[in-house]
Every structure is written in structure tokens, then in C-alpha cells.
């Protein structure tokens, strides 16, 4: 069993009967959804809210009942992967192009659990280029404004054409090298007209399930001292 499968399947322990579950997007969340499908077929009663059209298709294939966001009062738990995480459980997400819906669902959930293999950990964020979702109108100017913050934005492509998100937007992959202050960068990016959302998930994850030295470990955010443990 690979690392992604290990962490992806472990997280279903936090899901119980009657829950509304935010279903993440990507190669690690894939294993969570597959495992949830097994449990649903054995009688687990949950409702899912998918973070992407890709995830919605997989959930339906697995027999997981989906529900519209407008028809629920709360999301009990959201489970999603990460492209990079630091010691404070801050994240970079959006490698799969679903960062906007992922952030909306993570923010709405009572608990947000992140699953990631051992390769995703960093002392400081920035090894993974930061995805920034922007509207198509004025995209070149928006890209120039983002570049002024100290990065090299590159328009994400799908073949020879721009990659289009489920929301009809472009994504710029922005290489900041090393992000000294995720809180400040998130604020600066979202103040630029044309930016819809960025892939910095700051102070959102409450639990991280990952692998260290070949062993499955769980880390939680300790709000009282700002450390992770």
C-alpha cells in the first residue's frame, strides 16, 4: 500500500453515520473517496459535497450520495489533500485546479482534515508554485500585478490552450521561491482586482495525517501556542 493510500484511508475513521462530508480533489483524496464508497456499500449513511466535477463523478461512481451546498446547514468534516504543508499546518493547494471550491468547502466545515504523503512537507512554503485563480478578463494585467509581489506567474495550460477551472477561470502558477509570511501574501494577492482566490490555506487545517520515517502520524493545530504537534 502506498503512502497516499495509507493516509487517504486512515481519514475515514473521522467520518460517522449521518455526516455531511466535504470531498476533496486529487490523487490522495481519491483513496479516501474509494474507501468511503466501500463503507457506503456496507451501510454507512453520509452525504457528500464535492470540491470539483472530477470528484463528483468519482463519488457517484462509488455510490456516495451527493447533496447541493444550498441544501445543508453545515459541513461536519472536509477532507482534502495538499500540494505542500509547513510545520504550522499552513498549506499550498490547487495543483488539481480546484482551489476555489476547496477553500469554500474547507472554510464551511466544522473540521478540516488534510491528508498528504511525506514528500509534501516543508519548513517554509514555496517549493510548490502557488496557484492563483484569476478571471479571464484582464488576465495579462492581473498577472503583471501579481508579479510585482515577487514571483514569476505562469499561465497554466491544458495542452496548447489555457487551463479552465470548473468556475470558468484561469490559473496562474506563481513561483515565490520561499514564502516568508503566508498570512500577508494571502491578503496581498486577494486585494488585486481580477484575483478570485489563491492556493494559500492559512490557519485552516485542524488535523494533518501524513507519513514520517515510514510511520503514519497525525498532527493537530495547537491554537493556544501557535505550534503544531
C-alpha atoms as a PDB file:
ATOM      1  CA  UNK A   1       0.000   0.000   0.000  1.00  0.00           C
ATOM      2  CA  UNK A   2       1.466   3.383  -0.980  1.00  0.00           C
ATOM      3  CA  UNK A   3       1.634   6.469   1.262  1.00  0.00           C
ATOM      4  CA  UNK A   4      -1.261   8.227  -0.418  1.00  0.00           C
ATOM      5  CA  UNK A   5      -3.479   5.218   0.077  1.00  0.00           C
ATOM      6  CA  UNK A   6      -2.407   4.860   3.726  1.00  0.00           C
ATOM      7  CA  UNK A   7      -3.252   8.443   4.686  1.00  0.00           C
ATOM      8  CA  UNK A   8      -6.301   8.578   2.445  1.00  0.00           C
ATOM      9  CA  UNK A   9      -7.884   5.518   4.007  1.00  0.00           C
ATOM     10  CA  UNK A  10      -6.915   6.464   7.572  1.00  0.00           C
ATOM     11  CA  UNK A  11      -9.024   9.608   7.478  1.00  0.00           C
ATOM     12  CA  UNK A  12     -12.315   7.731   7.093  1.00  0.00           C
ATOM     13  CA  UNK A  13     -12.023   6.975  10.826  1.00  0.00           C
ATOM     14  CA  UNK A  14     -13.232  10.545  11.395  1.00  0.00           C
ATOM     15  CA  UNK A  15     -16.432  10.013   9.430  1.00  0.00           C
ATOM     16  CA  UNK A  16     -19.536   8.590  11.046  1.00  0.00           C
ATOM     17  CA  UNK A  17     -23.145   7.896  10.171  1.00  0.00           C
ATOM     18  CA  UNK A  18     -25.253  10.922   9.260  1.00  0.00           C
ATOM     19  CA  UNK A  19     -22.366  13.278   8.483  1.00  0.00           C
ATOM     20  CA  UNK A  20     -22.157  15.766   5.633  1.00  0.00           C
ATOM     21  CA  UNK A  21     -18.642  15.405   4.232  1.00  0.00           C
ATOM     22  CA  UNK A  22     -16.621  17.744   2.023  1.00  0.00           C
ATOM     23  CA  UNK A  23     -14.911  15.529  -0.539  1.00  0.00           C
ATOM     24  CA  UNK A  24     -11.509  16.730  -1.733  1.00  0.00           C
ATOM     25  CA  UNK A  25      -9.866  16.579  -5.133  1.00  0.00           C
ATOM     26  CA  UNK A  26      -6.622  14.896  -6.169  1.00  0.00           C
ATOM     27  CA  UNK A  27      -4.623  11.700  -6.041  1.00  0.00           C
ATOM     28  CA  UNK A  28      -4.687  11.345  -2.240  1.00  0.00           C
ATOM     29  CA  UNK A  29      -8.352  12.259  -1.704  1.00  0.00           C
ATOM     30  CA  UNK A  30      -9.083   9.646  -4.371  1.00  0.00           C
ATOM     31  CA  UNK A  31      -8.278   6.902  -1.856  1.00  0.00           C
ATOM     32  CA  UNK A  32     -10.499   8.474   0.800  1.00  0.00           C
ATOM     33  CA  UNK A  33     -13.429   8.534  -1.607  1.00  0.00           C
ATOM     34  CA  UNK A  34     -12.802   4.957  -2.728  1.00  0.00           C
ATOM     35  CA  UNK A  35     -12.733   3.776   0.900  1.00  0.00           C
ATOM     36  CA  UNK A  36     -15.872   5.755   1.710  1.00  0.00           C
ATOM     37  CA  UNK A  37     -17.552   4.053  -1.235  1.00  0.00           C
ATOM     38  CA  UNK A  38     -16.750   0.660   0.312  1.00  0.00           C
ATOM     39  CA  UNK A  39     -18.235   1.750   3.642  1.00  0.00           C
ATOM     40  CA  UNK A  40     -21.339   3.204   1.986  1.00  0.00           C
ATOM     41  CA  UNK A  41     -21.927  -0.113   0.262  1.00  0.00           C
ATOM     42  CA  UNK A  42     -21.728  -1.721   3.722  1.00  0.00           C
ATOM     43  CA  UNK A  43     -24.356   0.637   5.112  1.00  0.00           C
ATOM     44  CA  UNK A  44     -22.621   3.919   6.065  1.00  0.00           C
ATOM     45  CA  UNK A  45     -25.082   6.787   5.606  1.00  0.00           C
ATOM     46  CA  UNK A  46     -23.360  10.043   4.595  1.00  0.00           C
ATOM     47  CA  UNK A  47     -23.878  12.906   2.189  1.00  0.00           C
ATOM     48  CA  UNK A  48     -21.013  14.357   0.191  1.00  0.00           C
ATOM     49  CA  UNK A  49     -20.268  17.811  -1.163  1.00  0.00           C
ATOM     50  CA  UNK A  50     -17.584  17.544  -3.877  1.00  0.00           C
ATOM     51  CA  UNK A  51     -14.866  20.142  -4.459  1.00  0.00           C
ATOM     52  CA  UNK A  52     -14.733  19.516  -8.219  1.00  0.00           C
ATOM     53  CA  UNK A  53     -16.601  17.955 -11.115  1.00  0.00           C
ATOM     54  CA  UNK A  54     -13.940  15.236 -11.177  1.00  0.00           C
ATOM     55  CA  UNK A  55     -14.623  14.378  -7.531  1.00  0.00           C
ATOM     56  CA  UNK A  56     -18.378  14.466  -8.098  1.00  0.00           C
ATOM     57  CA  UNK A  57     -18.036  11.874 -10.878  1.00  0.00           C
ATOM     58  CA  UNK A  58     -15.880   9.611  -8.684  1.00  0.00           C
ATOM     59  CA  UNK A  59     -18.278   9.893  -5.732  1.00  0.00           C
ATOM     60  CA  UNK A  60     -21.275   8.977  -7.898  1.00  0.00           C
ATOM     61  CA  UNK A  61     -19.317   6.043  -9.298  1.00  0.00           C
ATOM     62  CA  UNK A  62     -18.687   4.898  -5.701  1.00  0.00           C
ATOM     63  CA  UNK A  63     -22.350   5.201  -4.737  1.00  0.00           C
ATOM     64  CA  UNK A  64     -21.884   8.171  -2.393  1.00  0.00           C
ATOM     65  CA  UNK A  65     -24.959  10.381  -2.191  1.00  0.00           C
ATOM     66  CA  UNK A  66     -24.185  13.968  -3.149  1.00  0.00           C
ATOM     67  CA  UNK A  67     -26.046  16.989  -1.846  1.00  0.00           C
ATOM     68  CA  UNK A  68     -26.171  20.590  -3.015  1.00  0.00           C
ATOM     69  CA  UNK A  69     -24.405  23.155  -0.847  1.00  0.00           C
ATOM     70  CA  UNK A  70     -27.602  25.199  -0.519  1.00  0.00           C
ATOM     71  CA  UNK A  71     -29.469  22.248   0.976  1.00  0.00           C
ATOM     72  CA  UNK A  72     -27.256  21.715   4.042  1.00  0.00           C
ATOM     73  CA  UNK A  73     -26.906  23.707   7.257  1.00  0.00           C
ATOM     74  CA  UNK A  74     -23.305  22.698   7.869  1.00  0.00           C
ATOM     75  CA  UNK A  75     -20.460  20.500   6.677  1.00  0.00           C
ATOM     76  CA  UNK A  76     -19.318  18.244   9.507  1.00  0.00           C
ATOM     77  CA  UNK A  77     -15.875  17.449   8.126  1.00  0.00           C
ATOM     78  CA  UNK A  78     -13.935  18.279   4.961  1.00  0.00           C
ATOM     79  CA  UNK A  79     -11.098  16.012   3.853  1.00  0.00           C
ATOM     80  CA  UNK A  80      -8.608  17.069   1.218  1.00  0.00           C
ATOM     81  CA  UNK A  81      -5.012  16.688   0.102  1.00  0.00           C
ATOM     82  CA  UNK A  82      -2.283  19.319  -0.086  1.00  0.00           C
ATOM     83  CA  UNK A  83       0.500  20.099  -2.516  1.00  0.00           C
ATOM     84  CA  UNK A  84       2.674  21.377   0.337  1.00  0.00           C
ATOM     85  CA  UNK A  85       2.388  21.866   4.116  1.00  0.00           C
ATOM     86  CA  UNK A  86       4.552  23.521   6.757  1.00  0.00           C
ATOM     87  CA  UNK A  87       5.033  22.903  10.496  1.00  0.00           C
ATOM     88  CA  UNK A  88       2.125  25.209  11.344  1.00  0.00           C
ATOM     89  CA  UNK A  89      -0.218  23.223   9.069  1.00  0.00           C
ATOM     90  CA  UNK A  90      -0.415  26.058   6.553  1.00  0.00           C
ATOM     91  CA  UNK A  91      -0.925  24.697   3.059  1.00  0.00           C
ATOM     92  CA  UNK A  92      -0.478  25.285  -0.628  1.00  0.00           C
ATOM     93  CA  UNK A  93      -3.312  23.735  -2.631  1.00  0.00           C
ATOM     94  CA  UNK A  94      -4.602  23.999  -6.164  1.00  0.00           C
ATOM     95  CA  UNK A  95      -2.354  21.660  -8.132  1.00  0.00           C
ATOM     96  CA  UNK A  96      -5.505  19.944  -9.352  1.00  0.00           C
ATOM     97  CA  UNK A  97      -7.146  23.238 -10.276  1.00  0.00           C
ATOM     98  CA  UNK A  98      -9.954  23.101  -7.692  1.00  0.00           C
ATOM     99  CA  UNK A  99      -8.608  25.554  -5.103  1.00  0.00           C
ATOM    100  CA  UNK A 100     -11.611  27.913  -5.037  1.00  0.00           C
ATOM    101  CA  UNK A 101     -14.210  25.256  -4.271  1.00  0.00           C
ATOM    102  CA  UNK A 102     -11.750  23.505  -1.958  1.00  0.00           C
ATOM    103  CA  UNK A 103     -11.287  26.671   0.092  1.00  0.00           C
ATOM    104  CA  UNK A 104     -15.015  27.434   0.229  1.00  0.00           C
ATOM    105  CA  UNK A 105     -15.778  23.934   1.491  1.00  0.00           C
ATOM    106  CA  UNK A 106     -12.849  23.814   3.928  1.00  0.00           C
ATOM    107  CA  UNK A 107     -13.915  27.163   5.376  1.00  0.00           C
ATOM    108  CA  UNK A 108     -17.505  25.975   5.803  1.00  0.00           C
ATOM    109  CA  UNK A 109     -16.575  22.719   7.548  1.00  0.00           C
ATOM    110  CA  UNK A 110     -16.621  22.260  11.316  1.00  0.00           C
ATOM    111  CA  UNK A 111     -13.388  20.275  10.946  1.00  0.00           C
ATOM    112  CA  UNK A 112     -10.873  20.384   8.086  1.00  0.00           C
ATOM    113  CA  UNK A 113      -8.563  17.372   7.845  1.00  0.00           C
ATOM    114  CA  UNK A 114      -5.593  17.348   5.471  1.00  0.00           C
ATOM    115  CA  UNK A 115      -4.027  14.203   4.048  1.00  0.00           C
ATOM    116  CA  UNK A 116      -0.580  14.284   2.456  1.00  0.00           C
ATOM    117  CA  UNK A 117       2.314  11.947   1.768  1.00  0.00           C
ATOM    118  CA  UNK A 118       5.775  12.551   3.223  1.00  0.00           C
ATOM    119  CA  UNK A 119       7.067  14.387   0.141  1.00  0.00           C
ATOM    120  CA  UNK A 120       4.728  17.344   0.750  1.00  0.00           C
ATOM    121  CA  UNK A 121       6.298  18.673   3.975  1.00  0.00           C
ATOM    122  CA  UNK A 122       8.430  21.856   4.014  1.00  0.00           C
ATOM    123  CA  UNK A 123       9.973  24.110   6.638  1.00  0.00           C
ATOM    124  CA  UNK A 124       8.588  27.095   4.731  1.00  0.00           C
ATOM    125  CA  UNK A 125       6.053  27.080   1.917  1.00  0.00           C
ATOM    126  CA  UNK A 126       7.127  27.883  -1.615  1.00  0.00           C
ATOM    127  CA  UNK A 127       8.727  24.759  -3.041  1.00  0.00           C
ATOM    128  CA  UNK A 128       5.438  24.204  -4.869  1.00  0.00           C
ATOM    129  CA  UNK A 129       4.429  27.073  -7.152  1.00  0.00           C
ATOM    130  CA  UNK A 130       1.410  28.842  -5.681  1.00  0.00           C
ATOM    131  CA  UNK A 131      -1.750  28.531  -7.803  1.00  0.00           C
ATOM    132  CA  UNK A 132      -3.779  31.723  -8.108  1.00  0.00           C
ATOM    133  CA  UNK A 133      -7.200  31.617  -9.764  1.00  0.00           C
ATOM    134  CA  UNK A 134      -7.988  34.729 -11.821  1.00  0.00           C
ATOM    135  CA  UNK A 135     -10.824  35.876 -14.079  1.00  0.00           C
ATOM    136  CA  UNK A 136     -10.105  35.733 -17.789  1.00  0.00           C
ATOM    137  CA  UNK A 137     -10.913  39.421 -18.334  1.00  0.00           C
ATOM    138  CA  UNK A 138      -7.735  41.486 -17.999  1.00  0.00           C
ATOM    139  CA  UNK A 139      -5.696  38.394 -17.216  1.00  0.00           C
ATOM    140  CA  UNK A 140      -2.418  39.849 -18.502  1.00  0.00           C
ATOM    141  CA  UNK A 141      -2.710  42.922 -16.312  1.00  0.00           C
ATOM    142  CA  UNK A 142      -3.672  40.809 -13.291  1.00  0.00           C
ATOM    143  CA  UNK A 143      -0.604  38.638 -13.924  1.00  0.00           C
ATOM    144  CA  UNK A 144       1.633  41.716 -14.016  1.00  0.00           C
ATOM    145  CA  UNK A 145       0.252  42.947 -10.688  1.00  0.00           C
ATOM    146  CA  UNK A 146       0.863  39.550  -9.110  1.00  0.00           C
ATOM    147  CA  UNK A 147       4.432  39.531 -10.458  1.00  0.00           C
ATOM    148  CA  UNK A 148       5.079  42.779  -8.570  1.00  0.00           C
ATOM    149  CA  UNK A 149       4.747  40.772  -5.340  1.00  0.00           C
ATOM    150  CA  UNK A 150       7.949  38.924  -6.219  1.00  0.00           C
ATOM    151  CA  UNK A 151       7.092  35.904  -8.335  1.00  0.00           C
ATOM    152  CA  UNK A 152       7.021  34.631 -11.891  1.00  0.00           C
ATOM    153  CA  UNK A 153       3.379  33.868 -12.776  1.00  0.00           C
ATOM    154  CA  UNK A 154       2.875  31.256 -15.491  1.00  0.00           C
ATOM    155  CA  UNK A 155      -0.495  30.659 -17.113  1.00  0.00           C
ATOM    156  CA  UNK A 156      -1.471  27.023 -16.576  1.00  0.00           C
ATOM    157  CA  UNK A 157      -2.120  25.230 -19.832  1.00  0.00           C
ATOM    158  CA  UNK A 158      -4.177  22.232 -20.878  1.00  0.00           C
ATOM    159  CA  UNK A 159      -2.303  21.128 -23.973  1.00  0.00           C
ATOM    160  CA  UNK A 160      -1.852  24.284 -26.056  1.00  0.00           C
ATOM    161  CA  UNK A 161      -4.835  26.083 -24.540  1.00  0.00           C
ATOM    162  CA  UNK A 162      -5.272  27.799 -21.166  1.00  0.00           C
ATOM    163  CA  UNK A 163      -6.483  25.509 -18.397  1.00  0.00           C
ATOM    164  CA  UNK A 164     -10.036  26.492 -17.422  1.00  0.00           C
ATOM    165  CA  UNK A 165     -11.288  25.812 -13.904  1.00  0.00           C
ATOM    166  CA  UNK A 166     -14.738  24.442 -13.068  1.00  0.00           C
ATOM    167  CA  UNK A 167     -15.638  28.079 -12.383  1.00  0.00           C
ATOM    168  CA  UNK A 168     -14.585  29.274 -15.848  1.00  0.00           C
ATOM    169  CA  UNK A 169     -11.365  30.984 -14.730  1.00  0.00           C
ATOM    170  CA  UNK A 170      -7.622  30.806 -15.457  1.00  0.00           C
ATOM    171  CA  UNK A 171      -4.941  29.648 -13.041  1.00  0.00           C
ATOM    172  CA  UNK A 172      -1.534  31.277 -12.705  1.00  0.00           C
ATOM    173  CA  UNK A 173       1.182  29.127 -11.133  1.00  0.00           C
ATOM    174  CA  UNK A 174       3.367  31.575  -9.214  1.00  0.00           C
ATOM    175  CA  UNK A 175       6.902  30.709  -8.135  1.00  0.00           C
ATOM    176  CA  UNK A 176       7.646  32.726  -4.980  1.00  0.00           C
ATOM    177  CA  UNK A 177      10.710  30.576  -4.120  1.00  0.00           C
ATOM    178  CA  UNK A 178      10.085  30.839  -0.354  1.00  0.00           C
ATOM    179  CA  UNK A 179       7.044  32.372   1.294  1.00  0.00           C
ATOM    180  CA  UNK A 180       8.100  34.195   4.453  1.00  0.00           C
ATOM    181  CA  UNK A 181       4.616  35.293   5.538  1.00  0.00           C
ATOM    182  CA  UNK A 182       1.709  33.229   4.155  1.00  0.00           C
ATOM    183  CA  UNK A 183      -0.810  35.416   6.012  1.00  0.00           C
ATOM    184  CA  UNK A 184       0.455  38.620   4.413  1.00  0.00           C
ATOM    185  CA  UNK A 185       0.847  37.130   0.934  1.00  0.00           C
ATOM    186  CA  UNK A 186      -2.684  35.739   1.007  1.00  0.00           C
ATOM    187  CA  UNK A 187      -4.011  39.190   1.901  1.00  0.00           C
ATOM    188  CA  UNK A 188      -1.938  40.954  -0.775  1.00  0.00           C
ATOM    189  CA  UNK A 189      -2.988  38.558  -3.523  1.00  0.00           C
ATOM    190  CA  UNK A 190      -6.683  38.746  -2.745  1.00  0.00           C
ATOM    191  CA  UNK A 191      -6.590  42.566  -2.834  1.00  0.00           C
ATOM    192  CA  UNK A 192      -5.569  42.537  -6.518  1.00  0.00           C
ATOM    193  CA  UNK A 193      -8.591  43.109  -8.796  1.00  0.00           C
ATOM    194  CA  UNK A 194      -9.032  40.059 -11.018  1.00  0.00           C
ATOM    195  CA  UNK A 195      -7.791  37.579  -8.417  1.00  0.00           C
ATOM    196  CA  UNK A 196     -10.620  35.238  -7.448  1.00  0.00           C
ATOM    197  CA  UNK A 197      -8.720  33.218  -4.831  1.00  0.00           C
ATOM    198  CA  UNK A 198      -5.269  31.823  -4.128  1.00  0.00           C
ATOM    199  CA  UNK A 199      -3.992  28.445  -3.003  1.00  0.00           C
ATOM    200  CA  UNK A 200      -2.693  29.521   0.417  1.00  0.00           C
ATOM    201  CA  UNK A 201      -4.752  27.811   3.116  1.00  0.00           C
ATOM    202  CA  UNK A 202      -3.593  29.625   6.254  1.00  0.00           C
ATOM    203  CA  UNK A 203      -4.795  28.613   9.733  1.00  0.00           C
ATOM    204  CA  UNK A 204      -7.486  26.400   8.236  1.00  0.00           C
ATOM    205  CA  UNK A 205      -6.329  22.809   8.755  1.00  0.00           C
ATOM    206  CA  UNK A 206      -7.037  21.388  12.191  1.00  0.00           C
ATOM    207  CA  UNK A 207      -5.518  17.965  11.619  1.00  0.00           C
ATOM    208  CA  UNK A 208      -2.865  16.590   9.275  1.00  0.00           C
ATOM    209  CA  UNK A 209      -2.448  12.903   8.505  1.00  0.00           C
ATOM    210  CA  UNK A 210       0.901  12.130   6.894  1.00  0.00           C
ATOM    211  CA  UNK A 211       3.876   9.747   6.908  1.00  0.00           C
ATOM    212  CA  UNK A 212       7.132  10.336   8.791  1.00  0.00           C
ATOM    213  CA  UNK A 213      10.003   7.852   8.573  1.00  0.00           C
ATOM    214  CA  UNK A 214       7.630   5.290   7.135  1.00  0.00           C
ATOM    215  CA  UNK A 215       5.146   5.653  10.003  1.00  0.00           C
ATOM    216  CA  UNK A 216       1.622   7.049   9.840  1.00  0.00           C
ATOM    217  CA  UNK A 217       1.388  10.154  12.039  1.00  0.00           C
ATOM    218  CA  UNK A 218      -1.274  12.701  12.904  1.00  0.00           C
ATOM    219  CA  UNK A 219      -0.578  16.328  13.751  1.00  0.00           C
ATOM    220  CA  UNK A 220      -3.036  18.813  15.173  1.00  0.00           C
ATOM    221  CA  UNK A 221      -3.074  22.573  15.286  1.00  0.00           C
ATOM    222  CA  UNK A 222      -2.464  23.847  18.803  1.00  0.00           C
ATOM    223  CA  UNK A 223      -4.197  27.190  18.709  1.00  0.00           C
ATOM    224  CA  UNK A 224      -3.082  28.181  22.209  1.00  0.00           C
ATOM    225  CA  UNK A 225       0.605  28.429  21.350  1.00  0.00           C
ATOM    226  CA  UNK A 226       0.643  28.538  17.576  1.00  0.00           C
ATOM    227  CA  UNK A 227       2.656  25.329  17.348  1.00  0.00           C
ATOM    228  CA  UNK A 228       1.863  22.027  15.748  1.00  0.00           C
ATOM    229  CA  UNK A 229       2.218  18.724  17.472  1.00  0.00           C
END
